[in-house]
Amino acid sequence: MFDRDGCFDCTRKHLGKAQIKMGKAQILLVEADLGYPKHAYFAEINMEEAEECVWSAHDLYFEALAQISEAEDEILEKSKELAEKIREERLKLQDDFSHQIQFNTLIREVTLIAQKIDRK
């Protein structure tokens, strides 16, 4: 860890990146699960494509977790409560891939804290 104050813009950026990565991961998993051809040859081809979709979704999922963790680090000095809330959401996602984090709500909370601090 480095010694500097957290950054509201960086927190929002990391949450936004995580949201995009999770959306892409979920789309890839849906694509991997579409249909099952009757002919064995086509089934083999589609299984290879499905496997690549699953691995890509896997990679994006862990990249999203890393971005959420970065958001936690960025906001910690500004708001321990929000950092903990972001952490709790990350842990829920780690336990359940289908957990839907309300990224826009978290990003708005960061903005509201930033506005309060700027007014002081």
N, C-alpha and C. Protein backbone atom coordinates (compact mmCIF):
# COMPACT_ATOMS: atom_id res chain seq x y z
N MET A 1 0.85 -1.19 0.00
CA MET A 1 0.00 0.00 0.00
C MET A 1 0.89 1.24 0.00
N PHE A 2 0.40 2.30 -0.54
CA PHE A 2 1.15 3.53 -0.65
C PHE A 2 0.53 4.59 0.24
N ASP A 3 1.32 5.59 0.59
CA ASP A 3 0.84 6.66 1.47
C ASP A 3 0.34 7.83 0.64
N ARG A 4 -0.95 7.89 0.50
CA ARG A 4 -1.59 9.03 -0.13
C ARG A 4 -3.07 8.97 0.20
N ASP A 5 -3.72 10.10 0.08
CA ASP A 5 -5.16 10.12 0.29
C ASP A 5 -5.85 9.38 -0.84
N GLY A 6 -7.00 8.84 -0.54
CA GLY A 6 -7.79 8.19 -1.57
C GLY A 6 -8.32 9.19 -2.58
N CYS A 7 -8.84 8.68 -3.64
CA CYS A 7 -9.34 9.53 -4.73
C CYS A 7 -10.76 9.12 -5.09
N PHE A 8 -11.67 10.08 -5.04
CA PHE A 8 -13.06 9.80 -5.37
C PHE A 8 -13.21 9.39 -6.83
N ASP A 9 -12.54 10.11 -7.72
CA ASP A 9 -12.65 9.77 -9.14
C ASP A 9 -12.11 8.37 -9.41
N CYS A 10 -11.00 8.01 -8.77
CA CYS A 10 -10.44 6.67 -8.96
C CYS A 10 -11.38 5.60 -8.42
N THR A 11 -12.03 5.89 -7.30
CA THR A 11 -12.99 4.93 -6.74
C THR A 11 -14.11 4.69 -7.73
N ARG A 12 -14.67 5.77 -8.27
CA ARG A 12 -15.75 5.62 -9.25
C ARG A 12 -15.26 4.91 -10.50
N LYS A 13 -14.06 5.22 -10.93
CA LYS A 13 -13.49 4.57 -12.13
C LYS A 13 -13.36 3.07 -11.91
N HIS A 14 -12.83 2.66 -10.77
CA HIS A 14 -12.66 1.23 -10.50
C HIS A 14 -14.01 0.51 -10.42
N LEU A 15 -14.99 1.15 -9.81
CA LEU A 15 -16.32 0.54 -9.75
C LEU A 15 -16.94 0.44 -11.14
N GLY A 16 -16.74 1.46 -11.95
CA GLY A 16 -17.26 1.44 -13.32
C GLY A 16 -16.60 0.34 -14.15
N LYS A 17 -15.29 0.19 -14.01
CA LYS A 17 -14.59 -0.88 -14.73
C LYS A 17 -15.10 -2.25 -14.29
N ALA A 18 -15.30 -2.42 -12.99
CA ALA A 18 -15.79 -3.69 -12.47
C ALA A 18 -17.18 -3.99 -13.04
N GLN A 19 -18.02 -2.97 -13.12
CA GLN A 19 -19.37 -3.15 -13.66
C GLN A 19 -19.32 -3.62 -15.12
N ILE A 20 -18.45 -3.02 -15.90
CA ILE A 20 -18.32 -3.41 -17.31
C ILE A 20 -17.80 -4.84 -17.42
N LYS A 21 -16.80 -5.18 -16.64
CA LYS A 21 -16.21 -6.52 -16.70
C LYS A 21 -17.23 -7.59 -16.28
N MET A 22 -18.00 -7.31 -15.23
CA MET A 22 -19.01 -8.29 -14.80
C MET A 22 -20.10 -8.44 -15.85
N GLY A 23 -20.48 -7.35 -16.48
CA GLY A 23 -21.49 -7.44 -17.54
C GLY A 23 -21.00 -8.29 -18.70
N LYS A 24 -19.76 -8.09 -19.10
CA LYS A 24 -19.18 -8.88 -20.19
C LYS A 24 -19.08 -10.35 -19.79
N ALA A 25 -18.68 -10.62 -18.55
CA ALA A 25 -18.56 -12.00 -18.07
C ALA A 25 -19.91 -12.69 -18.11
N GLN A 26 -20.95 -12.01 -17.69
CA GLN A 26 -22.29 -12.61 -17.70
C GLN A 26 -22.77 -12.86 -19.12
N ILE A 27 -22.49 -11.96 -20.03
CA ILE A 27 -22.86 -12.15 -21.44
C ILE A 27 -22.15 -13.37 -22.02
N LEU A 28 -20.86 -13.51 -21.73
CA LEU A 28 -20.10 -14.66 -22.24
C LEU A 28 -20.66 -15.98 -21.72
N LEU A 29 -21.07 -16.01 -20.48
CA LEU A 29 -21.64 -17.25 -19.94
C LEU A 29 -22.97 -17.59 -20.59
N VAL A 30 -23.76 -16.57 -20.90
CA VAL A 30 -25.01 -16.81 -21.61
C VAL A 30 -24.72 -17.35 -23.01
N GLU A 31 -23.75 -16.76 -23.69
CA GLU A 31 -23.38 -17.22 -25.03
C GLU A 31 -22.87 -18.66 -24.99
N ALA A 32 -22.14 -19.03 -23.97
CA ALA A 32 -21.59 -20.38 -23.85
C ALA A 32 -22.69 -21.40 -23.64
N ASP A 33 -23.81 -20.98 -23.11
CA ASP A 33 -24.89 -21.89 -22.74
C ASP A 33 -26.00 -21.97 -23.79
N LEU A 34 -25.86 -21.27 -24.90
CA LEU A 34 -26.93 -21.25 -25.91
C LEU A 34 -26.95 -22.52 -26.73
N GLY A 35 -28.06 -23.18 -26.70
CA GLY A 35 -28.33 -24.30 -27.59
C GLY A 35 -27.33 -25.44 -27.54
N TYR A 36 -27.75 -26.55 -28.03
CA TYR A 36 -26.87 -27.71 -28.16
C TYR A 36 -27.20 -28.38 -29.48
N PRO A 37 -26.29 -28.31 -30.45
CA PRO A 37 -26.58 -28.88 -31.76
C PRO A 37 -26.74 -30.40 -31.71
N LYS A 38 -27.55 -30.93 -32.60
CA LYS A 38 -27.83 -32.37 -32.61
C LYS A 38 -26.68 -33.16 -33.21
N HIS A 39 -26.03 -32.61 -34.16
CA HIS A 39 -24.96 -33.35 -34.84
C HIS A 39 -23.67 -33.28 -34.03
N ALA A 40 -23.01 -34.41 -33.85
CA ALA A 40 -21.84 -34.51 -32.98
C ALA A 40 -20.72 -33.57 -33.42
N TYR A 41 -20.51 -33.41 -34.72
CA TYR A 41 -19.44 -32.54 -35.21
C TYR A 41 -19.67 -31.11 -34.75
N PHE A 42 -20.89 -30.63 -34.92
CA PHE A 42 -21.19 -29.26 -34.51
C PHE A 42 -21.14 -29.12 -32.99
N ALA A 43 -21.51 -30.17 -32.29
CA ALA A 43 -21.45 -30.13 -30.83
C ALA A 43 -20.00 -29.95 -30.38
N GLU A 44 -19.08 -30.65 -31.02
CA GLU A 44 -17.67 -30.53 -30.65
C GLU A 44 -17.15 -29.12 -30.91
N ILE A 45 -17.49 -28.55 -32.04
CA ILE A 45 -17.06 -27.19 -32.36
C ILE A 45 -17.64 -26.20 -31.33
N ASN A 46 -18.93 -26.33 -31.06
CA ASN A 46 -19.56 -25.41 -30.12
C ASN A 46 -19.04 -25.57 -28.70
N MET A 47 -18.68 -26.80 -28.32
CA MET A 47 -18.12 -27.01 -26.99
C MET A 47 -16.79 -26.28 -26.86
N GLU A 48 -15.98 -26.30 -27.92
CA GLU A 48 -14.71 -25.57 -27.88
C GLU A 48 -14.96 -24.08 -27.74
N GLU A 49 -15.93 -23.58 -28.49
CA GLU A 49 -16.26 -22.15 -28.39
C GLU A 49 -16.83 -21.83 -27.02
N ALA A 50 -17.67 -22.71 -26.50
CA ALA A 50 -18.26 -22.50 -25.18
C ALA A 50 -17.18 -22.48 -24.12
N GLU A 51 -16.20 -23.38 -24.24
CA GLU A 51 -15.12 -23.43 -23.26
C GLU A 51 -14.35 -22.12 -23.25
N GLU A 52 -14.08 -21.56 -24.43
CA GLU A 52 -13.37 -20.29 -24.50
C GLU A 52 -14.20 -19.18 -23.86
N CYS A 53 -15.51 -19.19 -24.08
CA CYS A 53 -16.38 -18.19 -23.45
C CYS A 53 -16.32 -18.30 -21.93
N VAL A 54 -16.33 -19.53 -21.44
CA VAL A 54 -16.28 -19.74 -19.99
C VAL A 54 -14.96 -19.24 -19.43
N TRP A 55 -13.85 -19.54 -20.10
CA TRP A 55 -12.55 -19.07 -19.60
C TRP A 55 -12.47 -17.55 -19.66
N SER A 56 -13.01 -16.96 -20.71
CA SER A 56 -13.00 -15.49 -20.80
C SER A 56 -13.84 -14.88 -19.68
N ALA A 57 -14.99 -15.50 -19.39
CA ALA A 57 -15.84 -15.02 -18.30
C ALA A 57 -15.10 -15.16 -16.97
N HIS A 58 -14.40 -16.26 -16.80
CA HIS A 58 -13.59 -16.50 -15.60
C HIS A 58 -12.59 -15.36 -15.41
N ASP A 59 -11.87 -15.04 -16.47
CA ASP A 59 -10.85 -13.99 -16.40
C ASP A 59 -11.47 -12.64 -16.07
N LEU A 60 -12.58 -12.32 -16.73
CA LEU A 60 -13.24 -11.04 -16.48
C LEU A 60 -13.77 -10.94 -15.06
N TYR A 61 -14.29 -12.05 -14.55
CA TYR A 61 -14.80 -12.09 -13.18
C TYR A 61 -13.70 -11.72 -12.18
N PHE A 62 -12.52 -12.32 -12.33
CA PHE A 62 -11.44 -12.02 -11.39
C PHE A 62 -10.87 -10.62 -11.61
N GLU A 63 -10.90 -10.14 -12.83
CA GLU A 63 -10.49 -8.75 -13.08
C GLU A 63 -11.48 -7.79 -12.40
N ALA A 64 -12.76 -8.13 -12.45
CA ALA A 64 -13.77 -7.29 -11.79
C ALA A 64 -13.56 -7.29 -10.28
N LEU A 65 -13.28 -8.46 -9.70
CA LEU A 65 -13.01 -8.52 -8.26
C LEU A 65 -11.82 -7.63 -7.90
N ALA A 66 -10.80 -7.65 -8.74
CA ALA A 66 -9.61 -6.82 -8.49
C ALA A 66 -9.97 -5.33 -8.55
N GLN A 67 -10.80 -4.96 -9.50
CA GLN A 67 -11.22 -3.55 -9.61
C GLN A 67 -12.03 -3.12 -8.39
N ILE A 68 -12.89 -4.01 -7.90
CA ILE A 68 -13.68 -3.68 -6.71
C ILE A 68 -12.75 -3.52 -5.51
N SER A 69 -11.77 -4.37 -5.40
CA SER A 69 -10.79 -4.27 -4.32
C SER A 69 -10.03 -2.94 -4.40
N GLU A 70 -9.68 -2.53 -5.60
CA GLU A 70 -9.01 -1.23 -5.78
C GLU A 70 -9.91 -0.09 -5.34
N ALA A 71 -11.21 -0.20 -5.65
CA ALA A 71 -12.16 0.84 -5.22
C ALA A 71 -12.21 0.92 -3.69
N GLU A 72 -12.19 -0.23 -3.04
CA GLU A 72 -12.16 -0.26 -1.56
C GLU A 72 -10.95 0.53 -1.05
N ASP A 73 -9.79 0.23 -1.62
CA ASP A 73 -8.55 0.89 -1.19
C ASP A 73 -8.61 2.40 -1.40
N GLU A 74 -9.17 2.81 -2.53
CA GLU A 74 -9.22 4.24 -2.85
C GLU A 74 -10.11 5.03 -1.91
N ILE A 75 -11.20 4.45 -1.45
CA ILE A 75 -12.16 5.21 -0.65
C ILE A 75 -11.91 5.07 0.86
N LEU A 76 -11.04 4.17 1.24
CA LEU A 76 -10.83 3.85 2.66
C LEU A 76 -10.51 5.08 3.50
N GLU A 77 -9.62 5.93 3.05
CA GLU A 77 -9.23 7.12 3.81
C GLU A 77 -10.35 8.16 3.88
N LYS A 78 -11.22 8.16 2.90
CA LYS A 78 -12.29 9.15 2.83
C LYS A 78 -13.52 8.70 3.61
N SER A 79 -13.83 7.37 3.52
CA SER A 79 -15.03 6.85 4.17
C SER A 79 -14.83 5.36 4.47
N LYS A 80 -14.52 5.09 5.72
CA LYS A 80 -14.35 3.69 6.12
C LYS A 80 -15.66 2.91 5.96
N GLU A 81 -16.79 3.58 6.21
CA GLU A 81 -18.09 2.92 6.09
C GLU A 81 -18.37 2.48 4.65
N LEU A 82 -18.09 3.37 3.70
CA LEU A 82 -18.34 3.01 2.30
C LEU A 82 -17.33 1.96 1.83
N ALA A 83 -16.10 2.06 2.29
CA ALA A 83 -15.10 1.04 1.95
C ALA A 83 -15.56 -0.33 2.42
N GLU A 84 -16.12 -0.38 3.62
CA GLU A 84 -16.62 -1.64 4.17
C GLU A 84 -17.83 -2.15 3.37
N LYS A 85 -18.68 -1.23 2.95
CA LYS A 85 -19.85 -1.62 2.15
C LYS A 85 -19.41 -2.21 0.81
N ILE A 86 -18.43 -1.59 0.18
CA ILE A 86 -17.90 -2.09 -1.09
C ILE A 86 -17.27 -3.46 -0.87
N ARG A 87 -16.53 -3.59 0.21
CA ARG A 87 -15.89 -4.87 0.54
C ARG A 87 -16.93 -5.97 0.73
N GLU A 88 -18.01 -5.66 1.45
CA GLU A 88 -19.07 -6.65 1.67
C GLU A 88 -19.67 -7.11 0.35
N GLU A 89 -19.86 -6.18 -0.57
CA GLU A 89 -20.40 -6.54 -1.88
C GLU A 89 -19.42 -7.44 -2.64
N ARG A 90 -18.13 -7.12 -2.55
CA ARG A 90 -17.12 -7.95 -3.22
C ARG A 90 -17.13 -9.36 -2.65
N LEU A 91 -17.22 -9.47 -1.33
CA LEU A 91 -17.22 -10.79 -0.71
C LEU A 91 -18.47 -11.59 -1.10
N LYS A 92 -19.60 -10.92 -1.22
CA LYS A 92 -20.82 -11.60 -1.68
C LYS A 92 -20.63 -12.12 -3.10
N LEU A 93 -20.00 -11.30 -3.93
CA LEU A 93 -19.75 -11.72 -5.32
C LEU A 93 -18.76 -12.88 -5.37
N GLN A 94 -17.77 -12.87 -4.48
CA GLN A 94 -16.83 -13.98 -4.43
C GLN A 94 -17.52 -15.28 -4.05
N ASP A 95 -18.52 -15.18 -3.19
CA ASP A 95 -19.27 -16.37 -2.76
C ASP A 95 -20.31 -16.82 -3.78
N ASP A 96 -20.79 -15.87 -4.58
CA ASP A 96 -21.88 -16.17 -5.51
C ASP A 96 -21.73 -15.32 -6.78
N PHE A 97 -21.30 -15.98 -7.86
CA PHE A 97 -21.08 -15.27 -9.12
C PHE A 97 -22.32 -14.53 -9.59
N SER A 98 -23.50 -15.04 -9.24
CA SER A 98 -24.73 -14.42 -9.72
C SER A 98 -25.16 -13.21 -8.88
N HIS A 99 -24.42 -12.91 -7.80
CA HIS A 99 -24.77 -11.74 -6.98
C HIS A 99 -24.70 -10.48 -7.85
N GLN A 100 -25.73 -9.68 -7.76
CA GLN A 100 -25.81 -8.46 -8.56
C GLN A 100 -25.45 -7.25 -7.69
N ILE A 101 -24.26 -6.75 -7.88
CA ILE A 101 -23.84 -5.53 -7.17
C ILE A 101 -24.52 -4.34 -7.83
N GLN A 102 -25.03 -3.45 -7.02
CA GLN A 102 -25.65 -2.23 -7.52
C GLN A 102 -24.56 -1.18 -7.69
N PHE A 103 -23.79 -1.33 -8.77
CA PHE A 103 -22.64 -0.47 -8.99
C PHE A 103 -23.03 1.01 -9.06
N ASN A 104 -24.11 1.32 -9.77
CA ASN A 104 -24.50 2.73 -9.92
C ASN A 104 -24.84 3.35 -8.57
N THR A 105 -25.45 2.58 -7.69
CA THR A 105 -25.76 3.08 -6.34
C THR A 105 -24.48 3.37 -5.57
N LEU A 106 -23.51 2.47 -5.66
CA LEU A 106 -22.23 2.70 -4.98
C LEU A 106 -21.51 3.92 -5.54
N ILE A 107 -21.52 4.06 -6.85
CA ILE A 107 -20.86 5.20 -7.50
C ILE A 107 -21.53 6.51 -7.06
N ARG A 108 -22.85 6.50 -6.95
CA ARG A 108 -23.56 7.70 -6.48
C ARG A 108 -23.21 8.02 -5.04
N GLU A 109 -23.05 6.98 -4.21
CA GLU A 109 -22.67 7.20 -2.82
C GLU A 109 -21.29 7.86 -2.74
N VAL A 110 -20.38 7.43 -3.59
CA VAL A 110 -19.06 8.06 -3.63
C VAL A 110 -19.20 9.54 -3.99
N THR A 111 -20.02 9.84 -4.97
CA THR A 111 -20.23 11.23 -5.39
C THR A 111 -20.82 12.07 -4.26
N LEU A 112 -21.78 11.51 -3.53
CA LEU A 112 -22.38 12.25 -2.43
C LEU A 112 -21.37 12.55 -1.33
N ILE A 113 -20.51 11.59 -1.02
CA ILE A 113 -19.47 11.83 -0.02
C ILE A 113 -18.50 12.89 -0.51
N ALA A 114 -18.13 12.81 -1.79
CA ALA A 114 -17.22 13.81 -2.36
C ALA A 114 -17.83 15.20 -2.28
N GLN A 115 -19.12 15.32 -2.57
CA GLN A 115 -19.78 16.62 -2.51
C GLN A 115 -19.80 17.16 -1.09
N LYS A 116 -20.05 16.31 -0.10
CA LYS A 116 -20.05 16.75 1.30
C LYS A 116 -18.68 17.27 1.71
N ILE A 117 -17.66 16.57 1.32
CA ILE A 117 -16.29 16.97 1.69
C ILE A 117 -15.90 18.26 0.99
N ASP A 118 -16.29 18.41 -0.28
CA ASP A 118 -15.96 19.62 -1.03
C ASP A 118 -16.65 20.86 -0.46
N ARG A 119 -17.81 20.69 0.18
CA ARG A 119 -18.56 21.80 0.75
C ARG A 119 -17.94 22.32 2.04
N LYS A 120 -17.12 21.50 2.67
CA LYS A 120 -16.53 21.89 3.96
C LYS A 120 -15.44 22.91 3.79
